[in-house]
Every structure is written in C-alpha cells, then in structure tokens.
C-alpha cells in the first residue's frame, strides 16, 4: 500500500505542487492520475520515490516511511519502485539487455554494477522481462536502434527486472503514436493483472484513462478533486477535474 498523509509540496517560487494530499493506493490497483499540465500529477508521482522531496507530511510505502528513510533503508524502498518516464531514460548506446540489467543494480555493490558483472541469474531475469514485453529478440541490439514504443517497452522490462512491487509511469505514452500507445498500455495492464504489481500512471488522454484504469484520481491545482472507480468518472467529473469541458484532443488517446 502507498499512503500520502497531509503531503504538502511548495516549490522555491512559492507554487504549491501538492496541497495537503491524503490518499491510499492499495495493492494490485491500476490507478490513473489525470489533470491539466501543472496540476500536480508528476509531482505526486515523483514524490513517491523521492525524486521530488515534499515540504511536509509523510509518504508511507508498505508500512514504512520513505519520507524519513535514509541510506540503505531509502535504497531498499526505492528498489521496490520501478519508474517509467516519458523520455524512456535509456542509455541509448548500450544494448537493450544492459539497459534492462540496470534494474538489478539495487541488488549488488556499486563496483560490481559499474563493471557490468551481473550473475547469470540476473541475465535470465532480464531476458524473461524482455520476453514479457515481446522484445527478447532485441536483447543484443543497441537501444537507439529501437522505435520509441520499443524503447518504452524496454523501460517496462527494466522495472520488471528490478522486481518492483510498484510501477510508476509518468506520461509514458505522451510522445507515442496511437497504435504504439495501445501496445505500451496493454503491456502495463497485462503486467498489472498477471503479476499483481500496483501500477500508477499519469495520463493526458481521458479515453485512455477510462479504458485502462480501475481507479481514477483527478488532480487540480495540487489538490485531489476526484477519487473513485472508473465507472464513476463521467464527462461531468472530467469537466470538474479540468475546470472546463474536455477538449477533443484530450479524448484521442485510445483511438487506433
């Protein structure tokens, strides 16, 4: 479980990224966070693994405070959290396999990982992760030889190789075409269902949120203005989240 307790995030310019957020996300959920650009979606997601430090409050992960964690305790917390970014965050000149193996660095010493000395067991874990996203045959290709969609699926495989309990995906399909978007979202949904990995995704497209989420969280000006099952996320609800009627280009994500 992930729990936000009175989480406040104030940026140096005085902007409130998050305003006393309280929310619990349970094991195995597929949660989609929606809202306007700048509403606090990315701040909320990145606060979970402390890519953003919160100003006050506390974030609890599986009963332990990641907010208070330091040193090895923080590393152990982060090891359970796989992060997927809009721009993939791959080492482009490295092979696909080495990129996926970077998900194993939390299990070994720094020197060992810098030298690329991963045991056979780790290599098998990485190859199995690639198999789950149908990219096993690309294991020894350079990452920059892959399409954008394939690169994003490599980042999903990296999170799987990490053996993460949680996957956080920050606008993972924002730069992809509709067909590739569906492939990536299908992978995330299948992994969520098959492995029970709690998945939290920031999305811009309303139709995609409705298609894939089990629960939708609406964020506006750093506050949660809606939190409920996808069946309750009506057009009126989305209009209240966005503060206006939803535009057509915000409804196009699921069309192929």
Protein backbone atom coordinates (compact mmCIF):
# COMPACT_ATOMS: atom_id res chain seq x y z
CA UNK A 1 0.00 0.00 0.00
CA UNK A 2 1.04 3.59 -0.67
CA UNK A 3 -0.31 6.27 1.61
CA UNK A 4 0.01 10.05 1.44
CA UNK A 5 -0.52 11.77 4.80
CA UNK A 6 -1.10 15.53 4.63
CA UNK A 7 1.53 15.85 1.90
CA UNK A 8 2.48 19.42 1.04
CA UNK A 9 4.96 20.36 -1.68
CA UNK A 10 5.90 24.01 -2.13
CA UNK A 11 8.37 24.90 -4.88
CA UNK A 12 11.02 27.63 -4.36
CA UNK A 13 8.88 30.13 -6.31
CA UNK A 14 6.06 29.61 -3.82
CA UNK A 15 3.88 27.44 -6.06
CA UNK A 16 2.07 24.62 -4.30
CA UNK A 17 2.73 21.44 -6.22
CA UNK A 18 0.71 19.42 -3.73
CA UNK A 19 -1.67 20.87 -1.16
CA UNK A 20 -2.22 18.61 1.88
CA UNK A 21 -2.85 15.46 -0.16
CA UNK A 22 -4.29 12.42 1.62
CA UNK A 23 -4.78 9.22 -0.34
CA UNK A 24 -4.29 5.46 -0.03
CA UNK A 25 -3.47 3.22 -3.01
CA UNK A 26 -3.94 -0.48 -2.41
CA UNK A 27 -2.01 -3.49 -3.63
CA UNK A 28 -2.76 -4.53 -7.21
CA UNK A 29 -4.66 -1.41 -8.24
CA UNK A 30 -4.25 0.22 -11.65
CA UNK A 31 -4.62 3.89 -10.83
CA UNK A 32 -4.62 6.63 -13.45
CA UNK A 33 -3.97 10.21 -12.37
CA UNK A 34 -5.46 12.87 -14.65
CA UNK A 35 -5.47 16.65 -14.70
CA UNK A 36 -4.21 19.67 -16.57
CA UNK A 37 -0.50 20.23 -17.17
CA UNK A 38 0.90 21.72 -13.97
CA UNK A 39 -1.93 20.34 -11.84
CA UNK A 40 0.46 18.26 -9.74
CA UNK A 41 0.28 14.85 -11.43
CA UNK A 42 4.03 14.44 -11.92
CA UNK A 43 4.81 15.99 -8.54
CA UNK A 44 2.54 13.46 -6.88
CA UNK A 45 4.06 10.52 -8.73
CA UNK A 46 7.68 11.58 -8.29
CA UNK A 47 7.18 12.27 -4.60
CA UNK A 48 6.51 8.58 -4.03
CA UNK A 49 10.14 7.59 -4.69
CA UNK A 50 11.54 10.96 -3.59
CA UNK A 51 12.58 12.25 -6.98
CA UNK A 52 10.76 15.28 -5.53
CA UNK A 53 11.22 15.98 -1.83
CA UNK A 54 8.00 17.00 -0.14
CA UNK A 55 7.79 20.08 2.10
CA UNK A 56 5.78 18.45 4.88
CA UNK A 57 3.66 15.41 5.58
CA UNK A 58 4.63 11.80 5.07
CA UNK A 59 4.50 9.09 2.42
CA UNK A 60 4.19 5.51 3.67
CA UNK A 61 5.04 2.51 1.50
CA UNK A 62 4.13 -0.94 2.79
CA UNK A 63 4.01 0.42 6.32
CA UNK A 64 7.41 2.16 6.15
CA UNK A 65 8.03 5.88 5.79
CA UNK A 66 10.02 6.63 2.64
CA UNK A 67 9.94 10.28 3.73
CA UNK A 68 12.07 9.50 6.78
CA UNK A 69 14.20 6.77 5.17
CA UNK A 70 17.93 7.40 4.78
CA UNK A 71 20.89 5.49 3.38
CA UNK A 72 20.34 1.78 2.84
CA UNK A 73 16.75 1.98 4.06
CA UNK A 74 15.97 4.50 1.30
CA UNK A 75 17.72 2.35 -1.30
CA UNK A 76 15.64 -0.65 -0.25
CA UNK A 77 12.44 1.40 -0.54
CA UNK A 78 13.41 2.64 -3.98
CA UNK A 79 14.30 -0.87 -5.11
CA UNK A 80 10.62 -1.75 -4.79
CA UNK A 81 9.57 1.13 -7.05
CA UNK A 82 10.00 0.93 -10.82
CA UNK A 83 9.86 4.26 -12.65
CA UNK A 84 8.87 4.74 -16.28
CA UNK A 85 9.45 8.13 -17.86
CA UNK A 86 8.06 9.90 -20.91
CA UNK A 87 11.54 10.09 -22.48
CA UNK A 88 12.38 6.42 -21.66
CA UNK A 89 15.64 7.20 -19.73
CA UNK A 90 17.70 4.56 -21.51
CA UNK A 91 21.42 4.54 -22.23
CA UNK A 92 21.00 4.78 -25.99
CA UNK A 93 24.45 3.46 -26.97
CA UNK A 94 24.12 0.45 -24.70
CA UNK A 95 22.42 -2.81 -25.60
CA UNK A 96 18.82 -3.45 -24.68
CA UNK A 97 19.93 -6.20 -22.30
CA UNK A 98 22.34 -3.92 -20.42
CA UNK A 99 19.60 -1.32 -20.08
CA UNK A 100 17.28 -3.90 -18.57
CA UNK A 101 20.06 -5.19 -16.30
CA UNK A 102 20.32 -1.70 -14.81
CA UNK A 103 17.14 -2.66 -12.97
CA UNK A 104 19.30 -5.07 -10.95
CA UNK A 105 21.78 -2.50 -9.63
CA UNK A 106 19.94 -2.19 -6.32
CA UNK A 107 20.81 -5.80 -5.54
CA UNK A 108 24.60 -5.51 -5.94
CA UNK A 109 27.58 -3.40 -4.91
CA UNK A 110 28.37 -0.24 -6.87
CA UNK A 111 31.71 -1.57 -8.13
CA UNK A 112 30.16 -4.78 -9.39
CA UNK A 113 27.46 -2.96 -11.33
CA UNK A 114 29.87 -0.36 -12.75
CA UNK A 115 31.96 -3.20 -14.14
CA UNK A 116 28.83 -4.89 -15.52
CA UNK A 117 29.48 -8.05 -13.51
CA UNK A 118 25.94 -9.36 -13.34
CA UNK A 119 25.47 -13.05 -12.44
CA UNK A 120 23.76 -15.46 -14.82
CA UNK A 121 20.65 -15.38 -12.67
CA UNK A 122 20.29 -11.64 -13.30
CA UNK A 123 20.76 -12.12 -17.03
CA UNK A 124 17.98 -14.71 -17.04
CA UNK A 125 15.72 -12.35 -15.08
CA UNK A 126 16.40 -9.59 -17.63
CA UNK A 127 15.75 -11.87 -20.60
CA UNK A 128 12.49 -13.07 -19.06
CA UNK A 129 11.47 -9.46 -18.51
CA UNK A 130 12.12 -8.71 -22.18
CA UNK A 131 10.09 -11.77 -23.11
CA UNK A 132 7.11 -10.37 -21.20
CA UNK A 133 7.11 -7.29 -23.43
CA UNK A 134 7.85 -9.29 -26.61
CA UNK A 135 11.35 -7.88 -27.10
CA UNK A 136 13.55 -10.85 -26.28
CA UNK A 137 14.90 -10.91 -29.84
CA UNK A 138 16.15 -7.32 -29.40
CA UNK A 139 18.28 -8.12 -26.34
CA UNK A 140 21.60 -7.51 -28.07
CA UNK A 141 20.51 -4.57 -30.24
CA UNK A 142 21.51 -1.05 -29.29
CA UNK A 143 18.72 0.87 -27.60
CA UNK A 144 18.92 3.69 -30.14
CA UNK A 145 18.10 1.23 -32.93
CA UNK A 146 14.63 0.70 -31.49
CA UNK A 147 11.47 2.66 -32.15
CA UNK A 148 10.05 4.92 -29.44
CA UNK A 149 7.45 2.36 -28.48
CA UNK A 150 10.03 -0.40 -28.25
CA UNK A 151 12.25 1.79 -26.08
CA UNK A 152 9.36 2.42 -23.72
CA UNK A 153 8.73 -1.32 -23.50
CA UNK A 154 12.42 -1.76 -22.64
CA UNK A 155 11.89 0.63 -19.73
CA UNK A 156 8.95 -1.52 -18.62
CA UNK A 157 11.19 -4.59 -18.81
CA UNK A 158 13.77 -2.75 -16.68
CA UNK A 159 11.13 -2.24 -13.97
CA UNK A 160 10.24 -5.93 -14.18
CA UNK A 161 13.89 -6.95 -13.86
CA UNK A 162 14.03 -4.73 -10.80
CA UNK A 163 11.31 -6.97 -9.36
CA UNK A 164 9.44 -3.85 -8.35
CA UNK A 165 6.29 -4.06 -6.25
CA UNK A 166 5.09 -0.75 -7.69
CA UNK A 167 5.34 0.71 -11.18
CA UNK A 168 5.07 4.48 -11.54
CA UNK A 169 4.63 5.68 -15.12
CA UNK A 170 4.90 9.42 -15.72
CA UNK A 171 3.13 10.25 -19.02
CA UNK A 172 4.56 7.03 -20.58
CA UNK A 173 2.77 7.41 -23.92
CA UNK A 174 2.81 11.19 -24.40
CA UNK A 175 5.31 11.01 -27.27
CA UNK A 176 3.95 7.88 -28.96
CA UNK A 177 1.55 7.36 -31.85
CA UNK A 178 -1.89 5.83 -31.13
CA UNK A 179 -1.04 2.26 -32.18
CA UNK A 180 2.18 2.21 -30.14
CA UNK A 181 0.34 3.85 -27.25
CA UNK A 182 -2.06 0.90 -27.17
CA UNK A 183 0.81 -1.61 -27.17
CA UNK A 184 2.55 0.08 -24.25
CA UNK A 185 -0.66 0.49 -22.24
CA UNK A 186 -1.62 -3.13 -22.95
CA UNK A 187 1.77 -4.23 -21.60
CA UNK A 188 1.30 -2.22 -18.41
CA UNK A 189 -2.22 -3.54 -17.91
CA UNK A 190 -1.23 -7.15 -18.55
CA UNK A 191 1.68 -6.92 -16.11
CA UNK A 192 -0.62 -5.38 -13.52
CA UNK A 193 -3.13 -8.22 -13.94
CA UNK A 194 -0.70 -11.14 -14.29
CA UNK A 195 1.81 -10.15 -11.61
CA UNK A 196 -0.36 -8.05 -9.30
CA UNK A 197 2.08 -5.14 -9.47
CA UNK A 198 0.47 -1.94 -8.22
CA UNK A 199 0.56 0.48 -11.15
CA UNK A 200 0.11 4.25 -11.07
CA UNK A 201 0.06 6.10 -14.38
CA UNK A 202 -0.17 9.78 -15.23
CA UNK A 203 -2.14 10.25 -18.44
CA UNK A 204 -3.26 13.19 -20.52
CA UNK A 205 -5.89 11.35 -22.56
CA UNK A 206 -9.30 10.83 -20.99
CA UNK A 207 -10.27 7.86 -23.18
CA UNK A 208 -7.09 6.02 -22.20
CA UNK A 209 -7.81 6.64 -18.53
CA UNK A 210 -11.28 5.18 -18.94
CA UNK A 211 -10.04 2.20 -20.91
CA UNK A 212 -7.22 1.06 -18.61
CA UNK A 213 -7.81 2.37 -15.09
CA UNK A 214 -9.57 0.55 -12.29
CA UNK A 215 -9.49 3.80 -10.32
CA UNK A 216 -9.14 7.41 -11.42
CA UNK A 217 -7.65 10.19 -9.35
CA UNK A 218 -8.25 13.73 -10.56
CA UNK A 219 -5.78 16.44 -9.55
CA UNK A 220 -6.32 20.17 -9.87
CA UNK A 221 -4.03 22.90 -8.51
CA UNK A 222 -2.23 20.37 -6.31
CA UNK A 223 -5.40 19.00 -4.74
CA UNK A 224 -7.32 15.77 -5.29
CA UNK A 225 -10.72 16.77 -6.65
CA UNK A 226 -11.90 13.27 -7.62
CA UNK A 227 -11.01 9.78 -6.44
CA UNK A 228 -13.17 6.85 -7.44
CA UNK A 229 -13.71 3.79 -9.63
CA UNK A 230 -13.51 4.34 -13.36
CA UNK A 231 -17.25 3.71 -13.72
CA UNK A 232 -17.95 6.90 -11.78
CA UNK A 233 -15.70 9.07 -13.95
CA UNK A 234 -18.39 10.66 -16.12
CA UNK A 235 -17.92 13.50 -18.59
CA UNK A 236 -19.13 15.87 -15.87
CA UNK A 237 -16.49 14.53 -13.49
CA UNK A 238 -13.74 15.08 -16.04
CA UNK A 239 -15.04 18.59 -16.69
CA UNK A 240 -14.79 19.31 -12.97
CA UNK A 241 -11.24 17.93 -12.85
CA UNK A 242 -10.12 20.06 -15.81
CA UNK A 243 -12.19 23.06 -14.81
CA UNK A 244 -13.77 23.17 -18.26
CA UNK A 245 -15.33 20.85 -20.84
CA UNK A 246 -12.81 18.28 -22.03
CA UNK A 247 -11.41 19.06 -25.47
CA UNK A 248 -11.48 16.58 -28.33
CA UNK A 249 -7.67 16.23 -28.41
CA UNK A 250 -7.80 15.06 -24.80
CA UNK A 251 -10.10 12.22 -25.89
CA UNK A 252 -7.97 10.80 -28.72
CA UNK A 253 -5.52 8.61 -26.87
CA UNK A 254 -7.38 5.30 -27.30
CA UNK A 255 -8.20 5.65 -30.97
CA UNK A 256 -6.24 3.38 -33.33
